Amino acid sequence: MSKNQHLPSWYRRIDWPVTLFLILNPLLTIIVLPFYFYEHGFSLSFFLLGALMAAATNLAITAGYHRLFAHRSFEAHPLIRFLFLWIGASAFQGSALKWSSDHRRHHWKVDTEEDPYSIKKGFWYAHMGWMFLRESVDLPIKAADLEKDRLVAHQHRHYVAWAIASGFFAPALIGWMLGSFWGGFWILGALRIVLTQQSTFFVNSLCHTLGQQTYSDKISARDSLLVAFLTHGEGYHNFHHTFQSDYRNGIRWYQWDPTKWTIWTLSILGLTKKLKTISSHEILKARLHMEELRLKRKGICHERIDQLRNRVLSAQASFKRLHDDYEQMKKNLETASQQKVQQLRIDLEVAKLEFQNSLQQWKTMYQLSLNGL
């Protein structure tokens, strides 16, 4: 009989290494930093560098662990893949292989008993409580594609060494070079880990609790601007769960999604490629469907709603078809007459105006109906 069988069942359920780190790292950081500041004074430069390193750590998780490895929404140069794995390990959120496997299972089984961090089990459980339990942490890995990736597999096999080296040793070394080994260890290392972990965890808890279900109400995921600011764009979570293969989370140019901007910028530099996007038609159709449900609950005439929705989608499809035809014709100007090009340009502008007009009518009806006018 194993000696562990004599231990209480609750004790055996807990993953003690993970639990102790999640508790002791923030606790010791809170205790030690006041003494460090008393002894060495407050260093603005260290905090600015720490903020920069925290931003890089979050990006390694959002762009690397999440959008690259878990969802394969783009491809990246080996150098970028290594940087994502190296910096991502410093977040102490597990290997990219384990993180991605758990996250894929979350998407497959969202809001069910098999969801590793289901919000149905409570806010605290989804936020970080699930990581205290062996039954949810030690789930088998199901990511055959990533297991074949030699660099990802190496990080997984030697994860503890990768995490300690990138999460504590490298920051302490940087701090030593700047004149304070312990400043590097506690501010660039421990404090950075606390902040990046907690901000990331909010995606699983807050984004399944508060916010707008913009594209689907079949899942608990919601769009939260607050979490988007905390996590480089991951807060547009309802969109992400509805269209998980898209490399973007904030699809509009003004939506806060530094992860999207980073991936796109790297593509301009030739360091990422094959950026996947969902068609604007599918995205608009999903949004209109959700708005249609809200309008019908308000008692708006179903026939009028269906008629205007179909008009919007039809106008968008016509505009997209003409736009594609026009772009193709521009590539073959020598075989196209000037008259055809001019006529297609006119048709394109008319189609654009029809789409904009029908969409504006929909928006007006939606806003007035929600406001009770």
Protein backbone atom coordinates (compact mmCIF):
# COMPACT_ATOMS: atom_id res chain seq x y z
CA MET A 1 0.00 0.00 0.00
CA SER A 2 1.39 3.41 -0.96
CA LYS A 3 2.14 5.72 1.92
CA ASN A 4 0.18 8.45 0.11
CA GLN A 5 -2.99 6.44 0.62
CA HIS A 6 -2.77 7.18 4.34
CA LEU A 7 -3.00 10.93 3.60
CA PRO A 8 -6.37 12.73 3.59
CA SER A 9 -8.14 12.66 0.20
CA TRP A 10 -8.12 16.48 -0.05
CA TYR A 11 -4.33 16.47 0.46
CA ARG A 12 -3.82 13.92 -2.33
CA ARG A 13 -5.98 15.96 -4.71
CA ILE A 14 -3.75 19.03 -4.49
CA ASP A 15 -0.88 19.60 -6.93
CA TRP A 16 1.52 20.87 -4.30
CA PRO A 17 4.40 22.23 -6.45
CA VAL A 18 2.00 24.37 -8.51
CA THR A 19 -0.05 25.40 -5.48
CA LEU A 20 2.95 26.41 -3.40
CA PHE A 21 4.41 28.49 -6.22
CA LEU A 22 1.11 30.27 -6.90
CA ILE A 23 0.80 31.12 -3.19
CA LEU A 24 4.40 31.70 -2.10
CA ASN A 25 5.67 33.74 -5.05
CA PRO A 26 3.14 36.60 -4.62
CA LEU A 27 3.26 36.32 -0.82
CA LEU A 28 7.06 36.56 -0.62
CA THR A 29 7.09 39.33 -3.23
CA ILE A 30 4.68 41.42 -1.15
CA ILE A 31 6.72 40.80 2.01
CA VAL A 32 10.21 41.32 0.57
CA LEU A 33 9.72 44.36 -1.69
CA PRO A 34 9.02 46.89 1.12
CA PHE A 35 12.29 45.84 2.81
CA TYR A 36 14.10 46.09 -0.53
CA PHE A 37 12.77 49.62 -1.11
CA TYR A 38 13.68 50.62 2.44
CA GLU A 39 17.24 49.39 1.93
CA HIS A 40 17.85 50.45 -1.68
CA GLY A 41 15.26 53.11 -2.37
CA PHE A 42 12.64 53.20 -5.11
CA SER A 43 14.09 52.80 -8.62
CA LEU A 44 11.88 54.14 -11.39
CA SER A 45 14.20 52.70 -14.04
CA PHE A 46 13.77 49.21 -12.61
CA PHE A 47 9.99 49.55 -12.65
CA LEU A 48 9.95 50.85 -16.23
CA LEU A 49 12.16 47.97 -17.31
CA GLY A 50 9.93 45.60 -15.35
CA ALA A 51 6.86 46.97 -17.14
CA LEU A 52 8.56 46.44 -20.50
CA MET A 53 9.50 42.89 -19.57
CA ALA A 54 5.98 42.21 -18.30
CA ALA A 55 4.56 43.41 -21.63
CA ALA A 56 6.95 41.10 -23.48
CA THR A 57 5.96 38.20 -21.22
CA ASN A 58 2.27 38.78 -21.87
CA LEU A 59 2.93 38.95 -25.61
CA ALA A 60 4.79 35.66 -25.49
CA ILE A 61 1.69 34.09 -23.96
CA THR A 62 -0.93 35.83 -26.11
CA ALA A 63 0.85 35.73 -29.47
CA GLY A 64 2.99 32.64 -28.83
CA TYR A 65 1.36 30.16 -26.49
CA HIS A 66 -2.18 31.17 -27.46
CA ARG A 67 -2.53 32.29 -31.07
CA LEU A 68 0.51 30.51 -32.55
CA PHE A 69 0.80 27.21 -30.70
CA ALA A 70 -2.70 26.58 -29.33
CA HIS A 71 -4.68 27.79 -32.38
CA ARG A 72 -2.13 27.73 -35.21
CA SER A 73 -3.63 30.98 -36.50
CA PHE A 74 -0.34 31.94 -38.19
CA GLU A 75 3.15 30.62 -38.86
CA ALA A 76 6.34 32.10 -37.45
CA HIS A 77 10.07 32.14 -38.18
CA PRO A 78 12.12 29.78 -35.95
CA LEU A 79 13.67 32.79 -34.17
CA ILE A 80 10.23 34.13 -33.24
CA ARG A 81 9.10 30.68 -32.14
CA PHE A 82 12.13 30.39 -29.87
CA LEU A 83 11.56 33.84 -28.36
CA PHE A 84 7.92 33.02 -27.68
CA LEU A 85 8.94 29.77 -25.97
CA TRP A 86 11.80 31.34 -23.98
CA ILE A 87 9.90 34.39 -22.76
CA GLY A 88 6.66 32.42 -22.40
CA ALA A 89 8.39 29.97 -20.05
CA SER A 90 9.29 32.92 -17.80
CA ALA A 91 5.56 33.43 -17.07
CA PHE A 92 5.48 30.14 -15.11
CA GLN A 93 2.24 29.03 -16.78
CA GLY A 94 3.53 25.64 -17.86
CA SER A 95 5.10 24.50 -21.10
CA ALA A 96 3.64 25.63 -24.42
CA LEU A 97 2.66 22.03 -25.13
CA LYS A 98 0.74 21.57 -21.88
CA TRP A 99 -0.75 25.08 -22.01
CA SER A 100 -1.96 24.56 -25.59
CA SER A 101 -3.39 21.11 -24.88
CA ASP A 102 -5.38 22.42 -21.91
CA HIS A 103 -6.56 25.43 -23.90
CA ARG A 104 -7.71 23.33 -26.85
CA ARG A 105 -9.64 21.12 -24.43
CA HIS A 106 -11.21 24.29 -22.99
CA HIS A 107 -12.49 25.22 -26.46
CA TRP A 108 -13.70 21.71 -27.26
CA LYS A 109 -15.49 21.28 -23.92
CA VAL A 110 -16.24 24.88 -22.91
CA ASP A 111 -18.73 25.25 -20.05
CA THR A 112 -18.93 21.49 -19.45
CA GLU A 113 -17.53 19.20 -16.74
CA GLU A 114 -14.62 18.38 -19.06
CA ASP A 115 -13.61 22.04 -19.42
CA PRO A 116 -10.34 22.31 -17.40
CA TYR A 117 -11.22 25.78 -16.12
CA SER A 118 -14.98 25.89 -16.52
CA ILE A 119 -16.66 29.05 -15.25
CA LYS A 120 -19.59 26.82 -14.26
CA LYS A 121 -17.47 25.73 -11.28
CA GLY A 122 -17.13 29.30 -10.04
CA PHE A 123 -15.15 32.48 -10.67
CA TRP A 124 -12.28 31.52 -8.36
CA TYR A 125 -12.01 28.04 -9.85
CA ALA A 126 -11.82 29.42 -13.41
CA HIS A 127 -9.38 32.15 -12.37
CA MET A 128 -6.75 29.96 -10.71
CA GLY A 129 -8.37 27.43 -8.38
CA TRP A 130 -8.29 24.72 -11.05
CA MET A 131 -4.48 24.79 -11.01
CA PHE A 132 -4.41 23.66 -7.38
CA LEU A 133 -5.97 20.30 -8.26
CA ARG A 134 -4.20 17.30 -9.78
CA GLU A 135 -7.37 16.19 -11.55
CA SER A 136 -7.43 19.34 -13.71
CA VAL A 137 -3.69 20.06 -13.96
CA ASP A 138 -2.62 16.51 -14.82
CA LEU A 139 -4.96 16.00 -17.76
CA PRO A 140 -3.34 14.00 -20.60
CA ILE A 141 -1.81 15.99 -23.41
CA LYS A 142 -3.73 15.95 -26.68
CA ALA A 143 -1.75 17.99 -29.20
CA ALA A 144 -0.09 15.58 -31.63
CA ASP A 145 1.01 18.36 -33.98
CA LEU A 146 2.91 20.17 -31.23
CA GLU A 147 4.45 16.98 -29.86
CA LYS A 148 6.16 16.57 -33.25
CA ASP A 149 7.68 20.06 -32.96
CA ARG A 150 11.23 19.51 -31.70
CA LEU A 151 11.62 22.92 -30.04
CA VAL A 152 8.21 22.76 -28.35
CA ALA A 153 8.93 19.21 -27.19
CA HIS A 154 12.34 20.25 -25.80
CA GLN A 155 10.78 23.10 -23.83
CA HIS A 156 8.18 20.69 -22.46
CA ARG A 157 10.71 18.04 -21.39
CA HIS A 158 12.98 20.61 -19.73
CA TYR A 159 10.32 23.09 -18.71
CA VAL A 160 11.49 23.65 -15.13
CA ALA A 161 15.00 24.56 -16.34
CA TRP A 162 13.58 26.86 -19.05
CA ALA A 163 11.24 28.57 -16.55
CA ILE A 164 13.84 29.13 -13.82
CA ALA A 165 16.47 30.33 -16.30
CA SER A 166 14.17 32.76 -18.12
CA GLY A 167 11.91 33.67 -15.19
CA PHE A 168 14.43 34.28 -12.40
CA PHE A 169 18.03 33.78 -13.48
CA ALA A 170 17.93 36.06 -16.55
CA PRO A 171 16.10 38.91 -14.72
CA ALA A 172 18.54 38.64 -11.79
CA LEU A 173 21.45 38.76 -14.23
CA ILE A 174 19.99 41.85 -15.91
CA GLY A 175 19.52 43.41 -12.48
CA TRP A 176 23.12 42.60 -11.54
CA MET A 177 24.36 44.28 -14.73
CA LEU A 178 22.28 47.34 -13.79
CA GLY A 179 23.67 47.39 -10.26
CA SER A 180 21.15 45.37 -8.25
CA PHE A 181 20.98 41.57 -8.40
CA TRP A 182 18.07 41.42 -5.93
CA GLY A 183 16.24 44.23 -7.70
CA GLY A 184 16.39 42.12 -10.83
CA PHE A 185 15.30 38.99 -8.97
CA TRP A 186 12.32 40.51 -7.15
CA ILE A 187 11.12 43.26 -9.51
CA LEU A 188 12.06 41.94 -12.95
CA GLY A 189 11.46 38.35 -11.88
CA ALA A 190 8.99 37.64 -9.08
CA LEU A 191 6.80 40.76 -9.34
CA ARG A 192 6.62 40.50 -13.13
CA ILE A 193 5.45 36.89 -12.82
CA VAL A 194 2.72 37.81 -10.32
CA LEU A 195 1.34 40.60 -12.51
CA THR A 196 1.45 38.68 -15.80
CA GLN A 197 -0.11 35.58 -14.26
CA GLN A 198 -3.02 37.42 -12.70
CA SER A 199 -3.76 39.43 -15.83
CA THR A 200 -3.74 36.28 -17.97
CA PHE A 201 -5.98 34.41 -15.51
CA PHE A 202 -8.67 37.10 -15.90
CA VAL A 203 -9.32 35.82 -19.44
CA ASN A 204 -10.63 32.54 -18.00
CA SER A 205 -12.60 34.14 -15.19
CA LEU A 206 -13.70 37.72 -15.87
CA CYS A 207 -14.17 37.19 -19.62
CA HIS A 208 -16.59 34.36 -18.87
CA THR A 209 -18.51 36.47 -16.35
CA LEU A 210 -18.82 40.12 -17.43
CA GLY A 211 -19.07 41.73 -20.86
CA GLN A 212 -20.96 41.49 -24.13
CA GLN A 213 -21.88 38.31 -26.00
CA THR A 214 -21.38 40.04 -29.33
CA TYR A 215 -21.24 37.04 -31.68
CA SER A 216 -22.73 34.07 -29.81
CA ASP A 217 -24.79 33.31 -26.74
CA LYS A 218 -24.13 29.58 -26.95
CA ILE A 219 -21.02 30.01 -24.79
CA SER A 220 -20.22 31.91 -21.60
CA ALA A 221 -17.33 33.82 -23.20
CA ARG A 222 -17.74 37.61 -23.30
CA ASP A 223 -15.99 40.63 -24.80
CA SER A 224 -14.34 42.79 -22.12
CA LEU A 225 -12.45 45.97 -22.95
CA LEU A 226 -10.90 45.98 -19.47
CA VAL A 227 -9.36 42.53 -19.94
CA ALA A 228 -8.29 43.52 -23.46
CA PHE A 229 -6.19 46.30 -21.92
CA LEU A 230 -4.75 43.93 -19.32
CA THR A 231 -3.86 41.18 -21.78
CA HIS A 232 -2.83 42.80 -25.06
CA GLY A 233 -6.19 42.23 -26.74
CA GLU A 234 -7.30 38.87 -25.36
CA GLY A 235 -10.40 40.44 -23.82
CA TYR A 236 -12.46 40.16 -27.03
CA HIS A 237 -13.20 36.66 -25.87
CA ASN A 238 -16.65 36.10 -27.32
CA PHE A 239 -15.23 36.81 -30.77
CA HIS A 240 -12.32 34.47 -30.07
CA HIS A 241 -14.50 31.56 -28.97
CA THR A 242 -16.78 32.06 -31.96
CA PHE A 243 -13.92 32.38 -34.49
CA GLN A 244 -10.96 30.76 -32.76
CA SER A 245 -8.80 30.27 -35.88
CA ASP A 246 -8.59 34.04 -36.54
CA TYR A 247 -5.22 35.55 -35.56
CA ARG A 248 -7.09 38.68 -34.45
CA ASN A 249 -9.25 39.15 -31.38
CA GLY A 250 -10.06 42.83 -31.88
CA ILE A 251 -11.10 42.92 -35.53
CA ARG A 252 -11.59 46.66 -35.90
CA TRP A 253 -8.57 48.92 -36.36
CA TYR A 254 -9.36 50.91 -33.22
CA GLN A 255 -9.91 47.91 -30.91
CA TRP A 256 -7.10 47.40 -28.41
CA ASP A 257 -5.24 44.32 -29.66
CA PRO A 258 -1.44 44.80 -29.49
CA THR A 259 -1.04 41.05 -30.06
CA LYS A 260 -2.70 41.41 -33.47
CA TRP A 261 -0.56 44.45 -34.29
CA THR A 262 2.61 42.60 -33.28
CA ILE A 263 1.79 39.56 -35.41
CA TRP A 264 0.91 41.78 -38.39
CA THR A 265 4.09 43.87 -37.99
CA LEU A 266 6.20 40.72 -37.85
CA SER A 267 4.53 39.59 -41.09
CA ILE A 268 5.63 42.82 -42.78
CA LEU A 269 9.17 42.00 -41.64
CA GLY A 270 8.88 38.48 -43.06
CA LEU A 271 8.94 36.84 -39.60
CA THR A 272 5.34 35.59 -39.60
CA LYS A 273 3.14 34.40 -42.45
CA LYS A 274 -0.16 32.74 -43.37
CA LEU A 275 -2.17 34.90 -40.98
CA LYS A 276 -5.64 33.35 -40.78
CA THR A 277 -8.77 35.51 -40.78
CA ILE A 278 -12.48 34.78 -40.84
CA SER A 279 -14.43 36.39 -43.68
CA SER A 280 -16.12 39.67 -42.88
CA HIS A 281 -19.38 38.16 -44.13
CA GLU A 282 -19.33 35.38 -41.51
CA ILE A 283 -18.42 37.85 -38.76
CA LEU A 284 -21.19 40.27 -39.71
CA LYS A 285 -23.70 37.43 -40.00
CA ALA A 286 -22.90 36.27 -36.45
CA ARG A 287 -23.17 39.81 -35.04
CA LEU A 288 -26.45 40.50 -36.82
CA HIS A 289 -27.85 37.23 -35.53
CA MET A 290 -27.15 38.23 -31.92
CA GLU A 291 -28.60 41.70 -32.46
CA GLU A 292 -31.61 40.11 -34.16
CA LEU A 293 -32.28 38.01 -31.06
CA ARG A 294 -32.19 41.11 -28.86
CA LEU A 295 -34.56 42.98 -31.20
CA LYS A 296 -37.04 40.13 -31.25
CA ARG A 297 -37.00 39.95 -27.46
CA LYS A 298 -37.92 43.65 -27.55
CA GLY A 299 -41.01 42.75 -29.58
CA ILE A 300 -39.87 44.30 -32.88
CA CYS A 301 -41.66 42.93 -35.95
CA HIS A 302 -39.91 39.70 -36.97
CA GLU A 303 -40.64 40.19 -40.64
CA ARG A 304 -39.08 43.66 -40.66
CA ILE A 305 -35.98 42.41 -38.84
CA ASP A 306 -35.48 39.46 -41.20
CA GLN A 307 -35.99 41.65 -44.25
CA LEU A 308 -33.44 44.26 -43.22
CA ARG A 309 -30.89 41.67 -42.03
CA ASN A 310 -31.06 39.84 -45.34
CA ARG A 311 -30.70 43.13 -47.19
CA VAL A 312 -27.52 43.97 -45.24
CA LEU A 313 -25.94 40.57 -45.86
CA SER A 314 -26.91 40.56 -49.53
CA ALA A 315 -25.48 44.05 -50.05
CA GLN A 316 -22.24 43.05 -48.33
CA ALA A 317 -21.91 39.92 -50.48
CA SER A 318 -22.46 41.96 -53.67
CA PHE A 319 -19.89 44.53 -52.61
CA LYS A 320 -17.36 41.82 -51.78
CA ARG A 321 -17.90 40.06 -55.13
CA LEU A 322 -17.49 43.27 -57.12
CA HIS A 323 -14.46 44.26 -55.06
CA ASP A 324 -12.77 40.93 -55.84
CA ASP A 325 -13.64 41.27 -59.53
CA TYR A 326 -12.22 44.79 -59.61
CA GLU A 327 -8.97 43.77 -57.91
CA GLN A 328 -8.59 40.88 -60.36
CA MET A 329 -9.24 43.15 -63.34
CA LYS A 330 -6.60 45.64 -62.15
CA LYS A 331 -4.06 42.83 -62.31
CA ASN A 332 -4.95 42.19 -65.93
CA LEU A 333 -5.41 45.71 -67.28
CA GLU A 334 -3.86 44.84 -70.62
CA THR A 335 -6.71 42.39 -71.38
CA ALA A 336 -9.49 44.58 -70.02
CA SER A 337 -10.98 47.53 -71.88
CA GLN A 338 -10.99 50.93 -70.20
CA GLN A 339 -14.76 51.00 -70.52
CA LYS A 340 -15.14 47.73 -68.56
CA VAL A 341 -12.81 48.96 -65.84
CA GLN A 342 -14.73 52.22 -65.52
CA GLN A 343 -18.11 50.47 -65.39
CA LEU A 344 -16.91 48.01 -62.75
CA ARG A 345 -15.54 50.88 -60.67
CA ILE A 346 -18.95 52.60 -60.81
CA ASP A 347 -20.76 49.36 -59.91
CA LEU A 348 -18.36 48.89 -57.01
CA GLU A 349 -19.03 52.36 -55.62
CA VAL A 350 -22.78 51.87 -55.93
CA ALA A 351 -22.56 48.52 -54.16
CA LYS A 352 -20.47 50.07 -51.39
CA LEU A 353 -23.05 52.82 -50.86
CA GLU A 354 -25.89 50.28 -50.82
CA PHE A 355 -24.09 48.21 -48.20
CA GLN A 356 -23.26 51.23 -46.05
CA ASN A 357 -26.82 52.52 -46.32
CA SER A 358 -28.47 49.22 -45.40
CA LEU A 359 -26.04 48.69 -42.51
CA GLN A 360 -26.73 52.19 -41.21
CA GLN A 361 -30.47 51.50 -41.32
CA TRP A 362 -29.92 48.35 -39.30
CA LYS A 363 -27.78 50.20 -36.73
CA THR A 364 -30.39 52.95 -36.41
CA MET A 365 -33.21 50.47 -35.89
CA TYR A 366 -31.13 48.53 -33.36
CA GLN A 367 -30.13 51.55 -31.29
CA LEU A 368 -33.59 53.12 -31.29
CA SER A 369 -35.18 49.80 -30.32
CA LEU A 370 -32.76 49.21 -27.45
CA ASN A 371 -33.38 52.74 -26.19
CA GLY A 372 -37.11 52.15 -26.28
CA LEU A 373 -37.83 54.84 -28.86
